[in-house]
Protein backbone atom coordinates (compact mmCIF):
# COMPACT_ATOMS: atom_id res chain seq x y z
CA MET A 1 -19.72 -27.76 16.00
CA ASN A 2 -21.08 -26.71 12.61
CA PHE A 3 -23.87 -24.86 14.38
CA ILE A 4 -21.31 -22.83 16.37
CA ILE A 5 -19.37 -21.91 13.22
CA GLY A 6 -22.61 -20.88 11.53
CA ALA A 7 -23.46 -18.59 14.44
CA PHE A 8 -20.48 -16.37 13.61
CA LYS A 9 -21.17 -16.07 9.91
CA PRO A 10 -22.64 -12.70 8.88
CA PRO A 11 -26.38 -12.92 8.10
CA CYS A 12 -25.91 -11.19 4.74
CA ASN A 13 -23.55 -10.68 1.82
CA ILE A 14 -22.40 -7.16 0.87
CA SER A 15 -21.06 -6.28 -2.56
CA ILE A 16 -19.67 -2.91 -3.68
CA THR A 17 -19.60 -2.22 -7.42
CA PHE A 18 -18.41 0.81 -9.40
CA ALA A 19 -20.78 2.29 -11.99
CA ASP A 20 -18.03 2.30 -14.65
CA GLY A 21 -16.33 -0.86 -13.36
CA ARG A 22 -16.48 -2.63 -16.72
CA THR A 23 -14.85 0.18 -18.70
CA ARG A 24 -12.48 1.71 -16.15
CA LYS A 25 -8.81 0.70 -16.27
CA GLN A 26 -7.88 -1.99 -13.72
CA VAL A 27 -4.43 -2.20 -12.11
CA PRO A 28 -2.81 -4.84 -9.86
CA LEU A 29 -2.80 -4.31 -6.09
CA LYS A 30 -0.91 -6.51 -3.65
CA LYS A 31 -2.95 -7.40 -0.57
CA GLU A 32 -1.61 -8.00 2.94
CA ASN A 33 -1.86 -11.76 2.46
CA GLY A 34 0.48 -11.53 -0.55
CA GLN A 35 -2.26 -12.07 -3.12
CA THR A 36 -2.52 -9.70 -6.06
CA ILE A 37 -5.96 -8.51 -7.14
CA MET A 38 -7.11 -6.20 -9.93
CA VAL A 39 -8.81 -2.99 -8.78
CA PRO A 40 -10.12 0.18 -10.51
CA LEU A 41 -7.76 3.12 -11.11
CA PHE A 42 -8.78 6.71 -10.28
CA GLN A 43 -7.13 10.10 -10.08
CA SER A 44 -7.82 13.09 -7.86
CA GLN A 45 -10.98 15.15 -8.50
CA GLU A 46 -12.83 12.25 -10.15
CA ASN A 47 -16.35 11.19 -9.21
CA ILE A 48 -16.59 7.82 -7.49
CA VAL A 49 -20.02 6.40 -8.22
CA GLY A 50 -21.49 2.96 -7.68
CA GLU A 51 -23.89 0.72 -5.85
CA VAL A 52 -23.93 -1.25 -2.61
CA SER A 53 -25.95 -4.44 -2.61
CA ILE A 54 -26.99 -6.20 0.62
CA GLU A 55 -28.45 -9.68 0.32
CA PRO A 56 -29.58 -11.55 3.46
CA VAL A 57 -28.50 -15.18 3.70
CA HIS A 58 -31.44 -17.46 2.86
CA GLY A 59 -34.05 -17.44 5.60
CA LYS A 60 -32.45 -14.64 7.65
CA LYS A 61 -33.35 -11.03 8.19
CA VAL A 62 -30.89 -8.28 9.07
CA GLU A 63 -31.90 -5.89 11.84
CA HIS A 64 -29.74 -2.78 11.81
CA ASN A 65 -29.25 0.73 13.17
CA GLY A 66 -28.38 2.20 9.80
CA VAL A 67 -26.13 1.56 6.80
CA LYS A 68 -23.32 3.88 5.69
CA ILE A 69 -20.51 3.94 3.15
CA GLU A 70 -17.21 5.75 3.76
CA LEU A 71 -14.46 6.73 1.33
CA LEU A 72 -11.20 6.58 3.28
CA GLY A 73 -7.65 7.54 2.41
CA GLN A 74 -5.37 5.90 4.98
CA ILE A 75 -1.69 5.74 5.86
CA GLU A 76 -0.45 2.76 7.86
CA LEU A 77 3.09 2.64 9.25
CA TYR A 78 4.14 -0.99 9.69
CA LEU A 79 6.00 -0.10 12.91
CA ASP A 80 2.61 0.97 14.27
CA LYS A 81 0.64 -1.81 12.57
CA GLY A 82 -3.12 -1.73 12.89
CA ASN A 83 -3.24 2.05 13.44
CA PHE A 84 -4.49 3.90 10.39
CA TYR A 85 -4.14 7.65 9.86
CA ASP A 86 -7.11 8.88 7.84
CA PHE A 87 -6.23 11.89 5.69
CA THR A 88 -9.46 11.63 3.67
CA SER A 89 -12.78 10.61 5.24
CA LEU A 90 -16.12 11.08 3.48
CA VAL A 91 -19.40 9.48 4.59
CA ARG A 92 -22.75 8.81 2.90
CA GLU A 93 -25.67 7.46 4.93
CA LEU A 94 -27.41 4.79 2.85
CA ASP A 95 -30.26 3.62 5.08
CA VAL A 96 -32.09 4.55 8.29
CA PRO A 97 -32.51 1.93 11.09
CA GLY A 98 -34.78 -0.95 10.11
CA GLU A 99 -34.80 -4.51 8.81
CA ILE A 100 -33.67 -6.05 5.53
CA TYR A 101 -35.58 -9.17 4.41
CA GLU A 102 -34.46 -9.42 0.79
CA ARG A 103 -31.77 -8.12 -1.54
CA LYS A 104 -31.57 -4.34 -1.38
CA SER A 105 -29.43 -1.97 -3.46
CA TYR A 106 -28.22 1.52 -2.58
CA PRO A 107 -26.63 3.88 -5.11
CA PHE A 108 -23.80 6.10 -3.82
CA GLU A 109 -21.78 9.01 -5.21
CA PHE A 110 -18.72 10.91 -4.00
CA SER A 111 -18.25 13.92 -6.31
CA THR A 112 -14.91 15.44 -7.38
CA VAL A 113 -13.05 13.72 -4.56
CA GLU A 114 -9.82 15.34 -3.41
CA MET A 115 -7.27 12.47 -3.41
CA PRO A 116 -3.96 14.34 -3.23
CA TYR A 117 -1.67 11.40 -2.58
CA GLU A 118 -0.98 8.32 -4.67
CA SER A 119 -1.54 4.75 -3.51
CA TYR A 120 1.78 3.37 -2.27
CA ASN A 121 2.93 0.01 -0.92
CA GLY A 122 6.42 0.33 0.53
CA VAL A 123 8.80 -1.42 2.89
CA ASN A 124 7.57 0.29 6.08
CA VAL A 125 4.46 2.17 4.99
CA ARG A 126 1.27 1.72 3.00
CA LEU A 127 -1.04 4.40 1.63
CA ARG A 128 -4.37 3.08 0.43
CA TYR A 129 -7.89 4.14 -0.55
CA ILE A 130 -10.94 2.06 0.30
CA LEU A 131 -14.72 2.16 0.17
CA LYS A 132 -16.02 0.79 3.48
CA VAL A 133 -19.64 -0.25 4.08
CA THR A 134 -20.82 -0.60 7.68
CA ILE A 135 -24.15 -2.12 8.80
CA SER A 136 -24.54 -0.94 12.42
CA ARG A 137 -26.18 -3.41 14.81
CA ASN A 138 -27.16 -3.57 18.51
CA TYR A 139 -25.58 -6.10 20.87
CA VAL A 140 -23.68 -7.89 18.08
CA ASN A 141 -20.74 -6.89 15.91
CA ASN A 142 -21.28 -4.49 13.05
CA ILE A 143 -21.05 -6.04 9.58
CA VAL A 144 -18.26 -4.43 7.56
CA GLU A 145 -17.15 -4.90 3.95
CA SER A 146 -14.48 -2.91 2.10
CA GLN A 147 -13.32 -2.47 -1.50
CA ASP A 148 -9.86 -1.21 -2.45
CA PHE A 149 -9.11 1.09 -5.36
CA VAL A 150 -5.90 2.73 -6.56
CA VAL A 151 -5.15 6.43 -7.09
CA ARG A 152 -2.46 7.76 -9.43
CA ASN A 153 -1.89 11.43 -10.14
CA TYR A 154 -0.15 12.88 -13.16
CA THR A 155 2.32 15.72 -13.59
CA PRO A 156 2.82 17.85 -16.72
CA LEU A 157 6.29 18.05 -18.26
CA PRO A 158 8.43 20.33 -16.06
CA SER A 159 9.04 23.76 -17.59
CA ILE A 160 12.58 23.81 -16.16
CA ASN A 161 14.67 20.64 -16.14
CA ASN A 162 18.30 21.45 -15.47
CA SER A 163 21.12 19.08 -16.29
CA ILE A 164 23.26 17.62 -13.51
CA LYS A 165 27.02 18.27 -13.62
CA MET A 166 29.31 17.08 -10.84
CA GLU A 167 32.97 16.41 -10.22
CA VAL A 168 34.28 13.68 -7.99
CA GLY A 169 37.81 12.79 -7.15
CA ILE A 170 40.53 11.70 -4.80
CA GLU A 171 43.41 14.15 -4.65
CA ASP A 172 46.21 13.27 -7.09
CA CYS A 173 44.64 9.84 -7.76
CA LEU A 174 41.35 10.18 -9.55
CA HIS A 175 39.34 13.01 -11.03
CA ILE A 176 36.15 12.38 -12.99
CA GLU A 177 33.30 14.56 -14.12
CA PHE A 178 29.83 13.25 -14.78
CA GLU A 179 26.91 14.85 -16.51
CA TYR A 180 23.25 13.78 -16.84
CA SER A 181 21.07 15.55 -19.40
CA LYS A 182 18.36 16.41 -16.84
CA SER A 183 17.43 16.14 -13.17
CA LYS A 184 13.72 15.22 -13.49
CA TYR A 185 12.57 11.99 -15.12
CA HIS A 186 9.18 10.43 -15.78
CA LEU A 187 8.63 6.74 -15.02
CA LYS A 188 9.27 5.57 -18.62
CA ASP A 189 12.15 7.96 -19.27
CA VAL A 190 15.78 7.28 -20.27
CA ILE A 191 18.74 8.55 -18.26
CA ILE A 192 21.29 9.89 -20.73
CA GLY A 193 24.67 11.18 -19.67
CA LYS A 194 28.44 11.03 -19.98
CA ILE A 195 31.33 10.37 -17.65
CA TYR A 196 34.69 12.01 -18.33
CA PHE A 197 37.99 10.78 -16.88
CA LEU A 198 40.26 13.77 -16.26
CA LEU A 199 42.85 12.01 -14.08
CA VAL A 200 43.29 8.26 -13.52
CA ARG A 201 46.09 7.06 -11.26
CA ILE A 202 44.32 4.12 -9.63
CA LYS A 203 43.54 0.84 -11.31
CA ILE A 204 39.79 0.81 -11.82
CA LYS A 205 38.26 -2.62 -12.39
CA ASN A 206 34.71 -1.63 -13.25
CA MET A 207 32.10 1.11 -12.92
CA GLU A 208 28.34 0.84 -12.47
CA LEU A 209 25.33 3.07 -12.07
CA GLU A 210 22.68 2.22 -9.45
CA ILE A 211 19.16 3.51 -8.97
CA ARG A 212 18.36 3.70 -5.28
CA ARG A 213 15.06 4.35 -3.54
CA ARG A 214 15.11 5.80 -0.05
CA GLU A 215 11.92 5.53 2.01
CA SER A 216 11.77 7.59 5.22
CA THR A 217 8.97 7.05 7.73
CA GLY A 218 8.19 8.73 11.05
CA SER A 219 9.84 11.91 12.26
CA GLY A 220 12.56 13.16 14.60
CA PRO A 221 14.30 10.43 16.62
CA ASN A 222 11.66 7.93 15.39
CA THR A 223 12.62 8.29 11.75
CA TYR A 224 13.25 5.01 9.94
CA VAL A 225 15.10 5.04 6.64
CA GLU A 226 15.09 2.08 4.27
CA THR A 227 17.27 2.16 1.14
CA GLU A 228 16.74 -0.30 -1.72
CA THR A 229 18.92 -0.72 -4.79
CA LEU A 230 16.41 -1.16 -7.62
CA ALA A 231 18.84 -1.37 -10.53
CA LYS A 232 22.51 -1.99 -11.23
CA PHE A 233 23.82 -1.10 -14.64
CA GLU A 234 27.42 -1.77 -15.63
CA LEU A 235 28.89 1.22 -17.47
CA MET A 236 32.45 0.01 -17.93
CA ASP A 237 34.58 -3.08 -17.44
CA GLY A 238 38.32 -2.49 -17.34
CA ALA A 239 40.64 0.42 -16.72
CA PRO A 240 39.85 3.80 -18.30
CA VAL A 241 42.52 6.19 -19.49
CA ARG A 242 42.79 9.93 -19.07
CA GLY A 243 40.62 11.80 -21.55
CA GLU A 244 38.23 8.89 -22.06
CA SER A 245 34.47 9.47 -21.90
CA ILE A 246 31.86 6.79 -21.18
CA PRO A 247 28.27 7.23 -22.39
CA VAL A 248 25.34 6.53 -20.04
CA ARG A 249 22.00 5.27 -21.33
CA LEU A 250 19.69 3.70 -18.76
CA PHE A 251 16.01 2.95 -19.46
CA LEU A 252 13.75 3.37 -16.43
CA SER A 253 10.70 1.47 -17.73
CA PRO A 254 11.87 -2.05 -16.66
CA TYR A 255 12.00 -1.00 -13.00
CA GLU A 256 9.11 -0.67 -10.57
CA LEU A 257 9.53 3.01 -9.73
CA THR A 258 7.02 5.36 -8.15
CA PRO A 259 7.08 9.14 -8.32
CA THR A 260 9.14 11.04 -5.75
CA TYR A 261 6.97 11.69 -2.68
CA ARG A 262 7.97 14.56 -0.40
CA ASN A 263 6.68 14.55 3.17
CA ILE A 264 3.32 12.89 2.55
CA ASN A 265 0.95 14.03 5.31
CA ASN A 266 4.02 14.41 7.61
CA LYS A 267 4.27 10.60 7.65
CA PHE A 268 6.70 9.51 4.93
CA SER A 269 8.88 10.46 1.97
CA VAL A 270 10.21 8.51 -1.01
CA LYS A 271 13.28 9.80 -2.85
CA TYR A 272 15.40 8.46 -5.71
CA TYR A 273 19.15 8.67 -6.24
CA LEU A 274 21.61 7.87 -9.01
CA ASN A 275 24.64 6.27 -7.41
CA LEU A 276 27.85 6.09 -9.45
CA VAL A 277 30.13 3.32 -8.15
CA LEU A 278 33.76 2.72 -9.11
CA VAL A 279 35.57 -0.42 -7.93
CA ASP A 280 39.37 -0.65 -8.04
CA GLU A 281 41.47 -3.80 -8.34
CA GLU A 282 41.71 -4.06 -4.55
CA ASP A 283 37.89 -4.02 -4.40
CA ARG A 284 37.74 -0.60 -2.81
CA ARG A 285 34.56 1.22 -3.75
CA TYR A 286 34.27 4.90 -4.58
CA PHE A 287 30.84 6.35 -5.12
CA LYS A 288 28.99 9.59 -5.70
CA GLN A 289 25.25 9.91 -5.13
CA GLN A 290 22.92 12.41 -6.76
CA GLU A 291 19.20 12.87 -6.09
CA ILE A 292 16.83 12.92 -9.05
CA THR A 293 13.12 13.73 -9.18
CA VAL A 294 10.77 11.09 -10.60
CA TYR A 295 7.24 11.99 -11.74
CA ARG A 296 4.27 10.32 -13.42
CA LEU A 297 3.49 11.56 -16.91
CA LEU A 298 0.00 10.91 -18.29
CA GLU A 299 0.23 8.02 -20.75
CA THR A 300 -1.54 8.82 -24.01
CA SER A 301 -2.06 5.18 -25.03
């Protein structure tokens, strides 16, 4: 039995290391099995440099038809699990056909790599970047090893950032006006605003502000939309009176937000909304939703 198990073990160990792995920032990445690992962080246009090491298991040699490393950017829709859409695919040939008897190392370099989209792990979709080493073999399965890394891209402060002003009401019952100081927020920003009560003829019990993320995958009739409420923030408890104004101050940093993603490779979008909810004494809910743009600002620390 042990002999049979041994027959399926690969005849070598492959390791992929980054040249600046010790000094480069590491960030957590959740794997498919639920485990979280730490992987290097890159941004678009960076060089990805490192070394592949192949070490035959003691007493074995590895016959092969060539060794290559690929840098892949992939999108996987969970409704189409197992099918990856490669939007970035770069290849470096590391070795010509031959045999490996002892540990062998191969340097690799991908220069100024275009990585336009950020790594993303959502409800129905995953966007990931990997380095994939393949040892091609005759008659038996190829030996494959991969190494994840994460990409984040940064946006400068927007030159125009208009405030949001909206009115919401029910005729002759309720009329409120709300105002947020801007419409674009970075991930560690603070939402500052005010809510004015112009007419109040219903008994309001409480009011809260929600941050909602809407993930859309697929297209046309096969579009799937998943909405998550990431935060609920109580603004007011009790009945307001006409002329009252309620301040809004909501810090974004405690929540696991991503930037807004618009139509990534025609596969998915991620949008954020501020949802103002009023609940009356009969537990009826009135709400007004407003889209905001979220972006990643380069952290100086």
